[in-house]
């Protein structure tokens, strides 16, 4: 993905800045923001799957109870 490549390049730039003892925090903030966004997107996808699984479990339980 292009974002992953960009993030890798920015991290390398940040590491170089840290090695030279640049006092800039902004590049680290950008990386953290994008890492967090990626994490949140994955968490939302996982939550959606869990919600769908739960709804299916509820549906199946209702069907079982209706046939008794």
PDB file of N, CA and C in Angstrom:
ATOM      1  N   UNK A   1       0.839  -1.190   0.000  1.00  0.00           N
ATOM      2  CA  UNK A   1       0.000   0.000   0.000  1.00  0.00           C
ATOM      3  C   UNK A   1       0.873   1.238   0.000  1.00  0.00           C
ATOM      4  N   UNK A   2       0.392   2.267  -0.604  1.00  0.00           N
ATOM      5  CA  UNK A   2       1.139   3.515  -0.684  1.00  0.00           C
ATOM      6  C   UNK A   2       1.316   4.140   0.698  1.00  0.00           C
ATOM      7  N   UNK A   3       0.305   4.037   1.541  1.00  0.00           N
ATOM      8  CA  UNK A   3       0.397   4.619   2.877  1.00  0.00           C
ATOM      9  C   UNK A   3       1.476   3.919   3.688  1.00  0.00           C
ATOM     10  N   UNK A   4       1.563   2.602   3.573  1.00  0.00           N
ATOM     11  CA  UNK A   4       2.586   1.863   4.303  1.00  0.00           C
ATOM     12  C   UNK A   4       3.984   2.263   3.841  1.00  0.00           C
ATOM     13  N   UNK A   5       4.147   2.463   2.537  1.00  0.00           N
ATOM     14  CA  UNK A   5       5.438   2.895   2.009  1.00  0.00           C
ATOM     15  C   UNK A   5       5.783   4.296   2.502  1.00  0.00           C
ATOM     16  N   UNK A   6       4.789   5.191   2.497  1.00  0.00           N
ATOM     17  CA  UNK A   6       4.992   6.551   2.991  1.00  0.00           C
ATOM     18  C   UNK A   6       5.370   6.525   4.459  1.00  0.00           C
ATOM     19  N   UNK A   7       4.663   5.728   5.226  1.00  0.00           N
ATOM     20  CA  UNK A   7       4.947   5.626   6.649  1.00  0.00           C
ATOM     21  C   UNK A   7       6.365   5.098   6.881  1.00  0.00           C
ATOM     22  N   UNK A   8       6.780   4.117   6.107  1.00  0.00           N
ATOM     23  CA  UNK A   8       8.138   3.576   6.234  1.00  0.00           C
ATOM     24  C   UNK A   8       9.182   4.647   5.940  1.00  0.00           C
ATOM     25  N   UNK A   9       8.951   5.430   4.892  1.00  0.00           N
ATOM     26  CA  UNK A   9       9.885   6.495   4.532  1.00  0.00           C
ATOM     27  C   UNK A   9       9.935   7.580   5.606  1.00  0.00           C
ATOM     28  N   UNK A  10       8.787   7.947   6.121  1.00  0.00           N
ATOM     29  CA  UNK A  10       8.740   8.971   7.163  1.00  0.00           C
ATOM     30  C   UNK A  10       9.427   8.479   8.433  1.00  0.00           C
ATOM     31  N   UNK A  11       9.245   7.206   8.772  1.00  0.00           N
ATOM     32  CA  UNK A  11       9.913   6.652   9.953  1.00  0.00           C
ATOM     33  C   UNK A  11      11.428   6.701   9.788  1.00  0.00           C
ATOM     34  N   UNK A  12      11.912   6.383   8.592  1.00  0.00           N
ATOM     35  CA  UNK A  12      13.353   6.447   8.341  1.00  0.00           C
ATOM     36  C   UNK A  12      13.850   7.879   8.499  1.00  0.00           C
ATOM     37  N   UNK A  13      13.071   8.831   8.005  1.00  0.00           N
ATOM     38  CA  UNK A  13      13.417  10.246   8.146  1.00  0.00           C
ATOM     39  C   UNK A  13      13.456  10.644   9.616  1.00  0.00           C
ATOM     40  N   UNK A  14      12.449  10.206  10.363  1.00  0.00           N
ATOM     41  CA  UNK A  14      12.400  10.497  11.797  1.00  0.00           C
ATOM     42  C   UNK A  14      13.616   9.904  12.501  1.00  0.00           C
ATOM     43  N   UNK A  15      13.938   8.654  12.189  1.00  0.00           N
ATOM     44  CA  UNK A  15      15.081   8.008  12.832  1.00  0.00           C
ATOM     45  C   UNK A  15      16.370   8.771  12.552  1.00  0.00           C
ATOM     46  N   UNK A  16      16.513   9.276  11.333  1.00  0.00           N
ATOM     47  CA  UNK A  16      17.688  10.073  10.988  1.00  0.00           C
ATOM     48  C   UNK A  16      17.698  11.368  11.793  1.00  0.00           C
ATOM     49  N   UNK A  17      16.534  11.980  11.944  1.00  0.00           N
ATOM     50  CA  UNK A  17      16.451  13.217  12.727  1.00  0.00           C
ATOM     51  C   UNK A  17      16.821  12.952  14.183  1.00  0.00           C
ATOM     52  N   UNK A  18      16.353  11.853  14.726  1.00  0.00           N
ATOM     53  CA  UNK A  18      16.658  11.514  16.112  1.00  0.00           C
ATOM     54  C   UNK A  18      18.155  11.256  16.264  1.00  0.00           C
ATOM     55  N   UNK A  19      18.740  10.564  15.300  1.00  0.00           N
ATOM     56  CA  UNK A  19      20.167  10.271  15.350  1.00  0.00           C
ATOM     57  C   UNK A  19      20.991  11.562  15.340  1.00  0.00           C
ATOM     58  N   UNK A  20      20.490  12.570  14.681  1.00  0.00           N
ATOM     59  CA  UNK A  20      21.195  13.856  14.623  1.00  0.00           C
ATOM     60  C   UNK A  20      20.778  14.774  15.761  1.00  0.00           C
ATOM     61  N   UNK A  21      19.863  14.290  16.617  1.00  0.00           N
ATOM     62  CA  UNK A  21      19.399  15.019  17.787  1.00  0.00           C
ATOM     63  C   UNK A  21      18.600  16.271  17.428  1.00  0.00           C
ATOM     64  N   UNK A  22      17.817  16.188  16.351  1.00  0.00           N
ATOM     65  CA  UNK A  22      16.928  17.296  16.031  1.00  0.00           C
ATOM     66  C   UNK A  22      15.805  17.332  17.064  1.00  0.00           C
ATOM     67  N   UNK A  23      15.444  18.499  17.532  1.00  0.00           N
ATOM     68  CA  UNK A  23      14.414  18.594  18.576  1.00  0.00           C
ATOM     69  C   UNK A  23      12.985  18.665  18.035  1.00  0.00           C
ATOM     70  N   UNK A  24      12.734  18.135  16.850  1.00  0.00           N
ATOM     71  CA  UNK A  24      11.403  18.246  16.258  1.00  0.00           C
ATOM     72  C   UNK A  24      10.528  17.052  16.644  1.00  0.00           C
ATOM     73  N   UNK A  25       9.357  17.351  17.130  1.00  0.00           N
ATOM     74  CA  UNK A  25       8.407  16.308  17.515  1.00  0.00           C
ATOM     75  C   UNK A  25       7.353  16.102  16.434  1.00  0.00           C
ATOM     76  N   UNK A  26       7.206  17.040  15.534  1.00  0.00           N
ATOM     77  CA  UNK A  26       6.120  17.007  14.564  1.00  0.00           C
ATOM     78  C   UNK A  26       6.125  15.744  13.703  1.00  0.00           C
ATOM     79  N   UNK A  27       7.276  15.305  13.246  1.00  0.00           N
ATOM     80  CA  UNK A  27       7.323  14.115  12.383  1.00  0.00           C
ATOM     81  C   UNK A  27       6.859  12.876  13.145  1.00  0.00           C
ATOM     82  N   UNK A  28       7.223  12.783  14.412  1.00  0.00           N
ATOM     83  CA  UNK A  28       6.759  11.664  15.239  1.00  0.00           C
ATOM     84  C   UNK A  28       5.250  11.728  15.434  1.00  0.00           C
ATOM     85  N   UNK A  29       4.729  12.937  15.581  1.00  0.00           N
ATOM     86  CA  UNK A  29       3.284  13.104  15.742  1.00  0.00           C
ATOM     87  C   UNK A  29       2.534  12.651  14.493  1.00  0.00           C
ATOM     88  N   UNK A  30       3.082  12.947  13.311  1.00  0.00           N
ATOM     89  CA  UNK A  30       2.456  12.523  12.056  1.00  0.00           C
ATOM     90  C   UNK A  30       2.435  10.996  11.973  1.00  0.00           C
ATOM     91  N   UNK A  31       3.551  10.373  12.297  1.00  0.00           N
ATOM     92  CA  UNK A  31       3.629   8.913  12.252  1.00  0.00           C
ATOM     93  C   UNK A  31       2.632   8.297  13.217  1.00  0.00           C
ATOM     94  N   UNK A  32       2.596   8.804  14.425  1.00  0.00           N
ATOM     95  CA  UNK A  32       1.671   8.272  15.431  1.00  0.00           C
ATOM     96  C   UNK A  32       0.226   8.421  14.977  1.00  0.00           C
ATOM     97  N   UNK A  33      -0.091   9.567  14.392  1.00  0.00           N
ATOM     98  CA  UNK A  33      -1.461   9.803  13.912  1.00  0.00           C
ATOM     99  C   UNK A  33      -1.850   8.764  12.872  1.00  0.00           C
ATOM    100  N   UNK A  34      -0.962   8.496  11.909  1.00  0.00           N
ATOM    101  CA  UNK A  34      -1.296   7.553  10.848  1.00  0.00           C
ATOM    102  C   UNK A  34      -1.291   6.116  11.339  1.00  0.00           C
ATOM    103  N   UNK A  35      -0.399   5.785  12.266  1.00  0.00           N
ATOM    104  CA  UNK A  35      -0.414   4.445  12.838  1.00  0.00           C
ATOM    105  C   UNK A  35      -1.707   4.218  13.594  1.00  0.00           C
ATOM    106  N   UNK A  36      -2.154   5.225  14.313  1.00  0.00           N
ATOM    107  CA  UNK A  36      -3.397   5.131  15.081  1.00  0.00           C
ATOM    108  C   UNK A  36      -4.593   4.994  14.158  1.00  0.00           C
ATOM    109  N   UNK A  37      -4.604   5.757  13.066  1.00  0.00           N
ATOM    110  CA  UNK A  37      -5.714   5.648  12.115  1.00  0.00           C
ATOM    111  C   UNK A  37      -5.806   4.235  11.561  1.00  0.00           C
ATOM    112  N   UNK A  38      -4.663   3.670  11.189  1.00  0.00           N
ATOM    113  CA  UNK A  38      -4.639   2.323  10.637  1.00  0.00           C
ATOM    114  C   UNK A  38      -5.152   1.328  11.673  1.00  0.00           C
ATOM    115  N   UNK A  39      -4.716   1.493  12.904  1.00  0.00           N
ATOM    116  CA  UNK A  39      -5.165   0.610  13.980  1.00  0.00           C
ATOM    117  C   UNK A  39      -6.668   0.741  14.189  1.00  0.00           C
ATOM    118  N   UNK A  40      -7.169   1.974  14.203  1.00  0.00           N
ATOM    119  CA  UNK A  40      -8.597   2.179  14.415  1.00  0.00           C
ATOM    120  C   UNK A  40      -9.427   1.581  13.290  1.00  0.00           C
ATOM    121  N   UNK A  41      -8.943   1.702  12.045  1.00  0.00           N
ATOM    122  CA  UNK A  41      -9.671   1.106  10.925  1.00  0.00           C
ATOM    123  C   UNK A  41      -9.753  -0.409  11.071  1.00  0.00           C
ATOM    124  N   UNK A  42      -8.655  -1.037  11.467  1.00  0.00           N
ATOM    125  CA  UNK A  42      -8.643  -2.485  11.659  1.00  0.00           C
ATOM    126  C   UNK A  42      -9.550  -2.882  12.820  1.00  0.00           C
ATOM    127  N   UNK A  43      -9.539  -2.094  13.886  1.00  0.00           N
ATOM    128  CA  UNK A  43     -10.389  -2.387  15.042  1.00  0.00           C
ATOM    129  C   UNK A  43     -11.861  -2.270  14.660  1.00  0.00           C
ATOM    130  N   UNK A  44     -12.198  -1.285  13.848  1.00  0.00           N
ATOM    131  CA  UNK A  44     -13.590  -1.121  13.398  1.00  0.00           C
ATOM    132  C   UNK A  44     -14.021  -2.314  12.552  1.00  0.00           C
ATOM    133  N   UNK A  45     -13.136  -2.785  11.670  1.00  0.00           N
ATOM    134  CA  UNK A  45     -13.456  -3.960  10.853  1.00  0.00           C
ATOM    135  C   UNK A  45     -13.677  -5.181  11.740  1.00  0.00           C
ATOM    136  N   UNK A  46     -12.808  -5.351  12.729  1.00  0.00           N
ATOM    137  CA  UNK A  46     -12.932  -6.484  13.645  1.00  0.00           C
ATOM    138  C   UNK A  46     -14.233  -6.394  14.435  1.00  0.00           C
ATOM    139  N   UNK A  47     -14.574  -5.198  14.894  1.00  0.00           N
ATOM    140  CA  UNK A  47     -15.808  -5.011  15.659  1.00  0.00           C
ATOM    141  C   UNK A  47     -17.023  -5.310  14.793  1.00  0.00           C
ATOM    142  N   UNK A  48     -16.987  -4.909  13.534  1.00  0.00           N
ATOM    143  CA  UNK A  48     -18.098  -5.187  12.630  1.00  0.00           C
ATOM    144  C   UNK A  48     -18.289  -6.696  12.486  1.00  0.00           C
ATOM    145  N   UNK A  49     -17.195  -7.421  12.324  1.00  0.00           N
ATOM    146  CA  UNK A  49     -17.278  -8.875  12.213  1.00  0.00           C
ATOM    147  C   UNK A  49     -17.828  -9.505  13.483  1.00  0.00           C
ATOM    148  N   UNK A  50     -17.394  -9.010  14.623  1.00  0.00           N
ATOM    149  CA  UNK A  50     -17.910  -9.531  15.894  1.00  0.00           C
ATOM    150  C   UNK A  50     -19.391  -9.246  16.051  1.00  0.00           C
ATOM    151  N   UNK A  51     -19.807  -8.044  15.663  1.00  0.00           N
ATOM    152  CA  UNK A  51     -21.228  -7.688  15.743  1.00  0.00           C
ATOM    153  C   UNK A  51     -22.073  -8.598  14.859  1.00  0.00           C
ATOM    154  N   UNK A  52     -21.592  -8.848  13.648  1.00  0.00           N
ATOM    155  CA  UNK A  52     -22.326  -9.726  12.737  1.00  0.00           C
ATOM    156  C   UNK A  52     -22.398 -11.145  13.294  1.00  0.00           C
ATOM    157  N   UNK A  53     -21.320 -11.618  13.868  1.00  0.00           N
ATOM    158  CA  UNK A  53     -21.293 -12.949  14.459  1.00  0.00           C
ATOM    159  C   UNK A  53     -22.269 -13.038  15.635  1.00  0.00           C
ATOM    160  N   UNK A  54     -22.291 -12.004  16.453  1.00  0.00           N
ATOM    161  CA  UNK A  54     -23.213 -11.977  17.588  1.00  0.00           C
ATOM    162  C   UNK A  54     -24.664 -11.989  17.107  1.00  0.00           C
ATOM    163  N   UNK A  55     -24.970 -11.180  16.102  1.00  0.00           N
ATOM    164  CA  UNK A  55     -26.336 -11.138  15.586  1.00  0.00           C
ATOM    165  C   UNK A  55     -26.757 -12.498  15.025  1.00  0.00           C
ATOM    166  N   UNK A  56     -25.832 -13.182  14.372  1.00  0.00           N
ATOM    167  CA  UNK A  56     -26.134 -14.515  13.849  1.00  0.00           C
ATOM    168  C   UNK A  56     -26.386 -15.495  14.993  1.00  0.00           C
ATOM    169  N   UNK A  57     -25.618 -15.393  16.064  1.00  0.00           N
ATOM    170  CA  UNK A  57     -25.824 -16.254  17.232  1.00  0.00           C
ATOM    171  C   UNK A  57     -27.193 -16.009  17.846  1.00  0.00           C
ATOM    172  N   UNK A  58     -27.577 -14.751  17.951  1.00  0.00           N
ATOM    173  CA  UNK A  58     -28.895 -14.397  18.500  1.00  0.00           C
ATOM    174  C   UNK A  58     -29.999 -14.965  17.607  1.00  0.00           C
ATOM    175  N   UNK A  59     -29.838 -14.827  16.289  1.00  0.00           N
ATOM    176  CA  UNK A  59     -30.835 -15.335  15.353  1.00  0.00           C
ATOM    177  C   UNK A  59     -31.000 -16.846  15.500  1.00  0.00           C
ATOM    178  N   UNK A  60     -29.868 -17.555  15.578  1.00  0.00           N
ATOM    179  CA  UNK A  60     -29.921 -19.001  15.712  1.00  0.00           C
ATOM    180  C   UNK A  60     -30.555 -19.419  17.036  1.00  0.00           C
ATOM    181  N   UNK A  61     -30.255 -18.704  18.096  1.00  0.00           N
ATOM    182  CA  UNK A  61     -30.853 -19.020  19.396  1.00  0.00           C
ATOM    183  C   UNK A  61     -32.364 -18.818  19.351  1.00  0.00           C
ATOM    184  N   UNK A  62     -32.816 -17.760  18.696  1.00  0.00           N
ATOM    185  CA  UNK A  62     -34.262 -17.501  18.566  1.00  0.00           C
ATOM    186  C   UNK A  62     -34.930 -18.611  17.759  1.00  0.00           C
ATOM    187  N   UNK A  63     -34.262 -19.061  16.706  1.00  0.00           N
ATOM    188  CA  UNK A  63     -34.823 -20.152  15.892  1.00  0.00           C
ATOM    189  C   UNK A  63     -34.946 -21.422  16.714  1.00  0.00           C
ATOM    190  N   UNK A  64     -33.915 -21.728  17.493  1.00  0.00           N
ATOM    191  CA  UNK A  64     -33.969 -22.928  18.328  1.00  0.00           C
ATOM    192  C   UNK A  64     -35.096 -22.829  19.337  1.00  0.00           C
ATOM    193  N   UNK A  65     -35.265 -21.685  19.960  1.00  0.00           N
ATOM    194  CA  UNK A  65     -36.315 -21.493  20.965  1.00  0.00           C
ATOM    195  C   UNK A  65     -37.701 -21.518  20.330  1.00  0.00           C
ATOM    196  N   UNK A  66     -37.827 -21.063  19.097  1.00  0.00           N
ATOM    197  CA  UNK A  66     -39.120 -21.047  18.412  1.00  0.00           C
ATOM    198  C   UNK A  66     -39.576 -22.450  18.032  1.00  0.00           C
ATOM    199  N   UNK A  67     -38.660 -23.370  17.822  1.00  0.00           N
ATOM    200  CA  UNK A  67     -39.021 -24.722  17.421  1.00  0.00           C
ATOM    201  C   UNK A  67     -39.310 -25.626  18.620  1.00  0.00           C
ATOM    202  N   UNK A  68     -39.088 -25.149  19.821  1.00  0.00           N
ATOM    203  CA  UNK A  68     -39.341 -25.972  21.013  1.00  0.00           C
ATOM    204  C   UNK A  68     -40.791 -25.945  21.410  1.00  0.00           C
TER     205      UNK A  68
END
